[in-house]
Amino acid sequence: MRSLYSALAVGCALGALVFCVPMGQQQPRDKGSSYNSQRKIVRDPAGRIYVAYTKPVNNLSQVFVQISEDQGKSWRDLARVSPPTGDATTPMLAIDSHQNLHVFWTQYVQNVRQIFYAPIEQGRARSAQALTTGPAYNGFPSAAFDSQDRIHLVWYGLDEGVYQIWYRRKDRDGWSAPLKLSTGFPDSVNPTVATDGHDNVHVAWYQFDATRGVYQIFYRRYDARSGRWEPQRSLGRTDTNALSPSLAVDTSGRVHLVWEQQDEQHRFQIAYSSLTESDISSLLWLTSGDLRATDPSIALDLQGRIYVFYAKGDGQIYLRRSDGSTWGPEERLTTQGHNEYPSARWSFYHNPLTGINAKIDYIWTEELSDGTSQTRYGAIAIP
């Protein structure tokens, strides 16, 4: 088993100086910035940056949160959140209105993976709590806050031999019972979640579409006014596979989605669409050509500009952005190594984007020629 060395770096899209700072080692099966359905980086109003990641402790992969107090130039561990009872992987990070951090991850319990949660309050990690139990797999958590500091959590887990999407909400009374959001056969996986200005909840995932015989993007919305979940919708309109969605919601309530979509030659490319309760825009290809494009991560700024980060088959990270009406050209963000799994900072609430925080932060994983890998950090200045 090869050892992976993890580091964090800061850089901008337009050739700014890059700083590289050690973070520790990672387990090879858990890339530092995967997966695109999760958010792993947040800021507080004072400009402090936080990243959730993993590193080995006594031969177990464990979840830590790092902090940078100088705009990403240097980093230190803030807290370890996972108990030393089994490998912990796929962490995600959210922040509330009081600047408390909330960490979710997947961890082995008696050879079965389960969802765990721990808050970090005033820099101290509270005890970890298992949010799922039993003999079946549960993993890939994704969470978002609403205006009332309620946490909306989704993940996928086995249900009678089929992976389905599950949901829980945490408010002042505690956690709600698990609710199954997806239906159908076979599997529904890799959910991503966001809230909007009316506290509606938006969830997307990919699932087999029996009518087309391929995997497609599915979507479900919780209507806060009625207190009910609307029926799930297949957004698929092609006869090729669609995987790995990432979503964000603008101030008008419009949902912006990116995902991996096979083109006519069955190469994966990045696709974009947006939708409301009553309409969905035409599919727009953000990439094309011989190189595959994967793992898109979307973010919005306060002016509604769209930022889409993704990896391509040449091993580099790219960006496309839109002013809301016109898409700019493809921008290459990396120049060396083999890079993958970009993950951008975004949430509707508690996501400062002005003053010192007027940046779209992102992280990615770089595989080096000597077999090591490092997690790196970058920031795009908001115009």
Protein backbone atom coordinates (compact mmCIF):
# COMPACT_ATOMS: atom_id res chain seq x y z
CA MET A 1 0.00 0.00 0.00
CA ARG A 2 1.51 3.30 -1.06
CA SER A 3 1.66 6.23 1.32
CA LEU A 4 0.06 9.47 0.19
CA TYR A 5 1.52 12.76 1.30
CA SER A 6 -1.03 15.53 1.62
CA ALA A 7 -0.31 19.24 1.36
CA LEU A 8 -2.38 22.35 0.94
CA ALA A 9 -1.55 25.18 -1.41
CA VAL A 10 -3.04 28.51 -2.35
CA GLY A 11 -3.13 30.09 -5.77
CA CYS A 12 -5.29 32.13 -8.15
CA ALA A 13 -6.42 31.37 -11.66
CA LEU A 14 -4.30 34.00 -13.38
CA GLY A 15 -0.79 32.89 -12.54
CA ALA A 16 -0.46 34.13 -8.96
CA LEU A 17 2.23 32.71 -6.69
CA VAL A 18 1.42 29.27 -5.28
CA PHE A 19 2.23 28.38 -1.68
CA CYS A 20 2.50 24.75 -0.63
CA VAL A 21 2.03 23.83 3.03
CA PRO A 22 2.12 20.27 4.49
CA MET A 23 -1.10 18.86 5.91
CA GLY A 24 -0.06 15.30 6.70
CA GLN A 25 -0.62 11.91 5.09
CA GLN A 26 -3.76 10.47 3.52
CA GLN A 27 -4.98 6.97 2.89
CA PRO A 28 -4.71 6.08 -0.81
CA ARG A 29 -8.34 4.97 -1.06
CA ASP A 30 -9.62 8.37 0.10
CA LYS A 31 -8.60 11.29 -2.09
CA GLY A 32 -8.36 14.50 -0.08
CA SER A 33 -10.93 16.51 -2.04
CA SER A 34 -13.35 13.84 -3.24
CA TYR A 35 -16.27 13.79 -3.92
CA ASN A 36 -17.96 16.53 -5.93
CA SER A 37 -21.36 15.99 -4.26
CA GLN A 38 -19.90 17.26 -0.97
CA ARG A 39 -18.75 20.69 0.24
CA LYS A 40 -15.43 20.54 2.09
CA ILE A 41 -14.37 24.17 2.50
CA VAL A 42 -16.02 27.08 4.36
CA ARG A 43 -15.15 30.60 5.57
CA ASP A 44 -16.26 32.65 8.54
CA PRO A 45 -16.90 36.43 8.44
CA ALA A 46 -13.40 37.15 9.79
CA GLY A 47 -11.81 35.48 6.74
CA ARG A 48 -10.72 32.26 8.39
CA ILE A 49 -10.81 29.29 6.02
CA TYR A 50 -11.65 25.75 7.14
CA VAL A 51 -11.13 22.47 5.25
CA ALA A 52 -12.23 18.95 6.18
CA TYR A 53 -9.80 16.18 5.20
CA THR A 54 -8.43 12.80 6.28
CA LYS A 55 -5.06 11.52 7.41
CA PRO A 56 -3.90 8.23 9.02
CA VAL A 57 -3.57 7.83 12.77
CA ASN A 58 -2.28 4.46 13.97
CA ASN A 59 -3.04 2.95 10.54
CA LEU A 60 -6.62 4.24 10.53
CA SER A 61 -7.88 7.01 8.26
CA GLN A 62 -9.26 9.77 10.49
CA VAL A 63 -11.16 13.01 9.84
CA PHE A 64 -9.60 16.35 10.75
CA VAL A 65 -10.47 19.99 10.14
CA GLN A 66 -7.70 22.42 9.26
CA ILE A 67 -7.77 26.20 9.57
CA SER A 68 -5.95 28.99 7.76
CA GLU A 69 -5.97 32.47 9.31
CA ASP A 70 -3.84 34.13 6.61
CA GLN A 71 -5.87 33.59 3.43
CA GLY A 72 -4.51 30.12 2.79
CA LYS A 73 -0.77 30.80 3.13
CA SER A 74 -0.39 28.52 6.15
CA TRP A 75 -2.53 25.82 7.74
CA ARG A 76 -2.81 23.96 11.02
CA ASP A 77 -5.05 21.25 12.43
CA LEU A 78 -7.97 22.70 14.35
CA ALA A 79 -9.59 19.49 15.53
CA ARG A 80 -9.83 15.77 15.00
CA VAL A 81 -13.47 14.71 14.94
CA SER A 82 -13.59 10.97 14.18
CA PRO A 83 -13.22 8.34 16.94
CA PRO A 84 -10.35 5.82 16.55
CA THR A 85 -12.72 2.89 16.06
CA GLY A 86 -12.43 2.39 12.31
CA ASP A 87 -11.47 4.02 9.02
CA ALA A 88 -13.19 7.39 8.49
CA THR A 89 -13.58 8.77 4.94
CA THR A 90 -15.51 11.22 2.70
CA PRO A 91 -15.84 14.14 5.12
CA MET A 92 -17.95 17.22 4.38
CA LEU A 93 -18.11 20.54 6.19
CA ALA A 94 -20.77 23.20 6.89
CA ILE A 95 -20.86 26.34 9.05
CA ASP A 96 -23.78 27.91 10.94
CA SER A 97 -24.71 31.51 11.80
CA HIS A 98 -22.68 31.37 15.04
CA GLN A 99 -19.53 30.22 13.15
CA ASN A 100 -19.76 26.74 14.61
CA LEU A 101 -18.52 24.04 12.26
CA HIS A 102 -20.42 20.85 11.47
CA VAL A 103 -18.58 17.84 10.10
CA PHE A 104 -20.12 14.72 8.55
CA TRP A 105 -18.28 11.66 7.33
CA THR A 106 -18.46 7.91 6.65
CA GLN A 107 -16.86 5.51 9.13
CA TYR A 108 -16.56 1.78 9.54
CA VAL A 109 -18.47 0.27 12.47
CA GLN A 110 -17.95 -3.49 12.75
CA ASN A 111 -17.05 -3.70 9.04
CA VAL A 112 -20.11 -1.69 7.95
CA ARG A 113 -19.91 1.97 6.92
CA GLN A 114 -22.17 4.45 8.71
CA ILE A 115 -22.77 8.22 8.74
CA PHE A 116 -21.18 10.15 11.61
CA TYR A 117 -21.51 13.76 12.75
CA ALA A 118 -19.62 16.08 15.10
CA PRO A 119 -19.90 19.84 15.68
CA ILE A 120 -16.89 22.04 16.42
CA GLU A 121 -17.87 24.82 18.82
CA GLN A 122 -15.39 27.58 19.75
CA GLY A 123 -12.61 25.50 18.23
CA ARG A 124 -13.41 22.34 20.18
CA ALA A 125 -14.80 19.19 18.62
CA ARG A 126 -17.77 17.67 20.43
CA SER A 127 -18.27 13.92 20.68
CA ALA A 128 -19.01 12.15 17.41
CA GLN A 129 -22.52 10.80 16.91
CA ALA A 130 -23.54 7.94 14.63
CA LEU A 131 -26.55 9.05 12.58
CA THR A 132 -27.13 5.64 10.99
CA THR A 133 -26.93 2.14 12.45
CA GLY A 134 -27.54 -1.45 11.47
CA PRO A 135 -26.04 -4.04 9.13
CA ALA A 136 -26.43 -2.05 5.87
CA TYR A 137 -24.06 0.40 4.18
CA ASN A 138 -24.60 4.17 4.57
CA GLY A 139 -22.22 6.74 3.08
CA PHE A 140 -21.48 9.92 1.13
CA PRO A 141 -23.11 12.56 3.37
CA SER A 142 -24.01 16.01 2.03
CA ALA A 143 -25.57 18.74 4.19
CA ALA A 144 -26.81 22.34 4.04
CA PHE A 145 -28.18 24.91 6.51
CA ASP A 146 -31.34 26.94 6.11
CA SER A 147 -32.16 30.42 7.51
CA GLN A 148 -33.17 28.97 10.88
CA ASP A 149 -29.89 27.10 11.35
CA ARG A 150 -31.54 23.77 10.68
CA ILE A 151 -29.27 21.18 9.07
CA HIS A 152 -30.57 19.22 6.10
CA LEU A 153 -28.59 16.00 5.57
CA VAL A 154 -28.73 13.53 2.68
CA TRP A 155 -26.77 10.38 1.96
CA TYR A 156 -27.20 7.06 0.21
CA GLY A 157 -27.64 3.72 1.91
CA LEU A 158 -28.78 0.18 1.27
CA ASP A 159 -32.49 -0.57 1.48
CA GLU A 160 -33.42 -4.19 0.81
CA GLY A 161 -30.35 -4.62 -1.37
CA VAL A 162 -30.78 -1.38 -3.35
CA TYR A 163 -29.00 1.92 -2.73
CA GLN A 164 -31.48 4.72 -2.06
CA ILE A 165 -31.25 8.39 -1.06
CA TRP A 166 -32.04 9.19 2.58
CA TYR A 167 -32.73 12.43 4.47
CA ARG A 168 -32.64 13.70 8.06
CA ARG A 169 -33.08 17.20 9.51
CA LYS A 170 -31.61 18.60 12.71
CA ASP A 171 -33.32 21.44 14.57
CA ARG A 172 -33.46 22.53 18.22
CA ASP A 173 -35.39 19.35 19.06
CA GLY A 174 -32.74 17.07 17.60
CA TRP A 175 -32.58 14.84 14.54
CA SER A 176 -35.65 13.73 12.61
CA ALA A 177 -36.18 10.08 11.71
CA PRO A 178 -34.58 8.92 8.43
CA LEU A 179 -36.78 9.48 5.38
CA LYS A 180 -36.24 7.70 2.07
CA LEU A 181 -36.29 10.23 -0.78
CA SER A 182 -35.70 8.04 -3.83
CA THR A 183 -37.70 5.24 -5.36
CA GLY A 184 -36.93 2.81 -8.13
CA PHE A 185 -34.51 0.08 -9.10
CA PRO A 186 -31.60 -0.28 -9.19
CA ASP A 187 -29.36 2.20 -7.37
CA SER A 188 -29.60 5.88 -6.43
CA VAL A 189 -26.25 7.34 -5.31
CA ASN A 190 -24.11 10.42 -4.61
CA PRO A 191 -26.73 12.95 -3.47
CA THR A 192 -26.02 16.67 -3.22
CA VAL A 193 -28.19 19.19 -1.34
CA ALA A 194 -28.80 22.95 -1.13
CA THR A 195 -31.35 25.31 0.41
CA ASP A 196 -32.75 28.58 -0.93
CA GLY A 197 -34.01 31.94 0.35
CA HIS A 198 -37.41 30.47 1.28
CA ASP A 199 -35.92 27.46 3.10
CA ASN A 200 -36.93 25.06 0.35
CA VAL A 201 -34.58 22.09 0.12
CA HIS A 202 -33.18 20.89 -3.22
CA VAL A 203 -31.63 17.43 -3.65
CA ALA A 204 -30.08 15.91 -6.78
CA TRP A 205 -28.52 12.49 -7.35
CA TYR A 206 -27.99 10.01 -10.15
CA GLN A 207 -30.15 6.93 -10.59
CA PHE A 208 -30.93 4.30 -13.17
CA ASP A 209 -33.73 5.46 -15.48
CA ALA A 210 -35.57 2.33 -16.59
CA THR A 211 -37.38 4.18 -19.39
CA ARG A 212 -34.06 5.04 -21.07
CA GLY A 213 -31.84 2.20 -19.86
CA VAL A 214 -29.10 4.56 -18.57
CA TYR A 215 -28.24 6.48 -15.42
CA GLN A 216 -29.77 9.96 -15.29
CA ILE A 217 -29.86 12.92 -12.91
CA PHE A 218 -32.84 12.88 -10.57
CA TYR A 219 -34.12 15.77 -8.47
CA ARG A 220 -36.48 16.26 -5.56
CA ARG A 221 -37.63 19.44 -3.81
CA TYR A 222 -38.99 20.06 -0.32
CA ASP A 223 -41.56 22.87 -0.31
CA ALA A 224 -41.22 24.78 2.96
CA ARG A 225 -44.66 26.41 2.66
CA SER A 226 -46.55 23.14 2.48
CA GLY A 227 -44.07 21.13 4.53
CA ARG A 228 -44.07 18.40 1.90
CA TRP A 229 -41.63 16.76 -0.49
CA GLU A 230 -42.62 17.02 -4.12
CA PRO A 231 -42.36 13.85 -6.28
CA GLN A 232 -38.92 12.99 -7.61
CA ARG A 233 -38.21 14.03 -11.21
CA SER A 234 -35.88 12.55 -13.78
CA LEU A 235 -34.01 15.34 -15.52
CA GLY A 236 -32.64 12.97 -18.15
CA ARG A 237 -33.29 13.85 -21.76
CA THR A 238 -30.58 11.83 -23.51
CA ASP A 239 -29.80 8.18 -24.09
CA THR A 240 -26.35 8.28 -22.49
CA ASN A 241 -25.31 8.05 -18.85
CA ALA A 242 -25.38 11.10 -16.57
CA LEU A 243 -23.47 10.98 -13.26
CA SER A 244 -22.11 13.03 -10.34
CA PRO A 245 -24.31 16.13 -9.96
CA SER A 246 -23.39 19.33 -8.12
CA LEU A 247 -25.97 22.05 -7.49
CA ALA A 248 -26.35 25.62 -6.23
CA VAL A 249 -29.37 27.93 -5.93
CA ASP A 250 -29.44 31.65 -6.76
CA THR A 251 -31.36 34.41 -4.96
CA SER A 252 -34.37 34.03 -7.26
CA GLY A 253 -34.67 30.35 -6.29
CA ARG A 254 -33.42 29.02 -9.61
CA VAL A 255 -31.45 25.78 -9.26
CA HIS A 256 -28.18 25.52 -11.21
CA LEU A 257 -26.96 21.99 -11.91
CA VAL A 258 -23.78 20.54 -13.40
CA TRP A 259 -22.95 16.89 -13.93
CA GLU A 260 -20.99 14.39 -16.03
CA GLN A 261 -22.80 13.43 -19.24
CA GLN A 262 -21.65 11.04 -21.96
CA ASP A 263 -21.56 12.61 -25.42
CA GLU A 264 -22.37 10.83 -28.69
CA GLN A 265 -18.96 9.14 -28.60
CA HIS A 266 -19.65 8.06 -25.00
CA ARG A 267 -16.94 10.34 -23.62
CA PHE A 268 -17.88 12.03 -20.38
CA GLN A 269 -18.27 15.80 -20.65
CA ILE A 270 -19.58 18.48 -18.30
CA ALA A 271 -23.22 19.44 -18.80
CA TYR A 272 -25.20 22.33 -17.29
CA SER A 273 -28.88 23.09 -16.87
CA SER A 274 -31.06 25.19 -14.56
CA LEU A 275 -34.61 24.77 -13.36
CA THR A 276 -37.46 26.21 -11.32
CA GLU A 277 -40.74 24.70 -10.19
CA SER A 278 -42.21 25.20 -13.65
CA ASP A 279 -39.40 25.03 -16.22
CA ILE A 280 -36.04 23.53 -17.03
CA SER A 281 -33.49 25.02 -19.40
CA SER A 282 -31.98 23.19 -22.34
CA LEU A 283 -28.87 21.12 -21.69
CA LEU A 284 -25.69 23.09 -22.32
CA TRP A 285 -22.38 21.33 -22.95
CA LEU A 286 -19.60 23.13 -21.06
CA THR A 287 -16.89 20.86 -22.49
CA SER A 288 -16.34 18.90 -25.69
CA GLY A 289 -13.56 17.14 -27.58
CA ASP A 290 -11.42 14.05 -27.14
CA LEU A 291 -10.56 14.61 -23.46
CA ARG A 292 -13.05 13.37 -20.89
CA ALA A 293 -14.22 15.88 -18.26
CA THR A 294 -15.34 14.79 -14.78
CA ASP A 295 -16.15 15.78 -11.20
CA PRO A 296 -17.80 19.20 -11.68
CA SER A 297 -18.30 21.49 -8.68
CA ILE A 298 -20.47 24.61 -8.99
CA ALA A 299 -20.51 27.88 -7.04
CA LEU A 300 -22.31 31.23 -7.34
CA ASP A 301 -21.36 34.71 -6.19
CA LEU A 302 -23.69 37.42 -4.90
CA GLN A 303 -24.20 38.85 -8.39
CA GLY A 304 -25.40 35.49 -9.69
CA ARG A 305 -22.24 34.72 -11.65
CA ILE A 306 -21.66 30.99 -12.08
CA TYR A 307 -18.34 29.19 -11.54
CA VAL A 308 -17.90 25.56 -12.60
CA PHE A 309 -14.69 23.71 -11.71
CA TYR A 310 -13.87 20.31 -13.23
CA ALA A 311 -11.05 17.90 -14.10
CA LYS A 312 -10.09 16.71 -17.59
CA GLY A 313 -8.33 13.68 -19.03
CA ASP A 314 -5.05 15.58 -19.35
CA GLY A 315 -4.84 15.62 -15.55
CA GLN A 316 -5.55 19.32 -15.10
CA ILE A 317 -8.25 21.37 -13.35
CA TYR A 318 -10.33 23.79 -15.41
CA LEU A 319 -12.90 26.51 -14.84
CA ARG A 320 -15.75 27.93 -16.85
CA ARG A 321 -17.74 30.88 -15.62
CA SER A 322 -20.82 32.79 -16.68
CA ASP A 323 -22.09 36.27 -15.92
CA GLY A 324 -25.59 34.80 -15.86
CA SER A 325 -26.20 35.14 -19.58
CA THR A 326 -22.93 34.41 -21.42
CA TRP A 327 -20.36 31.71 -20.72
CA GLY A 328 -16.69 32.64 -20.92
CA PRO A 329 -13.94 30.44 -22.40
CA GLU A 330 -12.39 27.50 -20.63
CA GLU A 331 -9.67 28.51 -18.14
CA ARG A 332 -6.90 26.13 -17.09
CA LEU A 333 -6.13 26.43 -13.37
CA THR A 334 -3.27 23.93 -12.96
CA THR A 335 -0.10 23.31 -14.94
CA GLN A 336 1.66 20.32 -13.39
CA GLY A 337 1.03 16.88 -11.94
CA HIS A 338 -2.15 14.86 -12.30
CA ASN A 339 -5.06 16.76 -10.75
CA GLU A 340 -8.60 15.65 -9.94
CA TYR A 341 -11.64 16.13 -7.67
CA PRO A 342 -12.06 19.91 -7.48
CA SER A 343 -14.43 21.06 -4.73
CA ALA A 344 -15.66 24.66 -4.53
CA ARG A 345 -16.92 26.66 -1.56
CA TRP A 346 -20.59 27.49 -1.74
CA SER A 347 -23.74 27.52 0.37
CA PHE A 348 -26.82 29.73 0.29
CA TYR A 349 -26.45 30.73 3.94
CA HIS A 350 -23.38 31.56 6.05
CA ASN A 351 -21.19 31.95 2.96
CA PRO A 352 -19.39 35.33 3.14
CA LEU A 353 -18.42 36.66 -0.29
CA THR A 354 -17.54 40.33 0.32
CA GLY A 355 -14.49 42.19 1.61
CA ILE A 356 -11.69 39.85 2.60
CA ASN A 357 -13.95 36.93 1.67
CA ALA A 358 -14.64 38.08 -1.92
CA LYS A 359 -13.22 34.88 -3.37
CA ILE A 360 -14.47 31.57 -4.68
CA ASP A 361 -12.32 29.09 -2.74
CA TYR A 362 -11.67 25.61 -4.07
CA ILE A 363 -9.53 22.59 -3.30
CA TRP A 364 -8.37 19.68 -5.44
CA THR A 365 -6.17 16.59 -5.28
CA GLU A 366 -2.82 16.48 -7.11
CA GLU A 367 -1.16 13.14 -7.84
CA LEU A 368 2.61 13.54 -8.12
CA SER A 369 5.04 11.58 -10.29
CA ASP A 370 6.60 9.83 -7.29
CA GLY A 371 3.27 8.20 -6.36
CA THR A 372 2.40 10.65 -3.60
CA SER A 373 -0.60 12.97 -3.61
CA GLN A 374 -1.45 16.30 -2.04
CA THR A 375 -4.59 18.30 -1.45
CA ARG A 376 -4.24 21.85 -2.77
CA TYR A 377 -6.13 25.08 -2.28
CA GLY A 378 -6.88 27.90 -4.69
CA ALA A 379 -9.07 31.01 -4.81
CA ILE A 380 -10.69 32.92 -7.66
CA ALA A 381 -11.11 36.64 -7.01
CA ILE A 382 -14.70 37.84 -7.46
CA PRO A 383 -14.84 40.76 -9.94
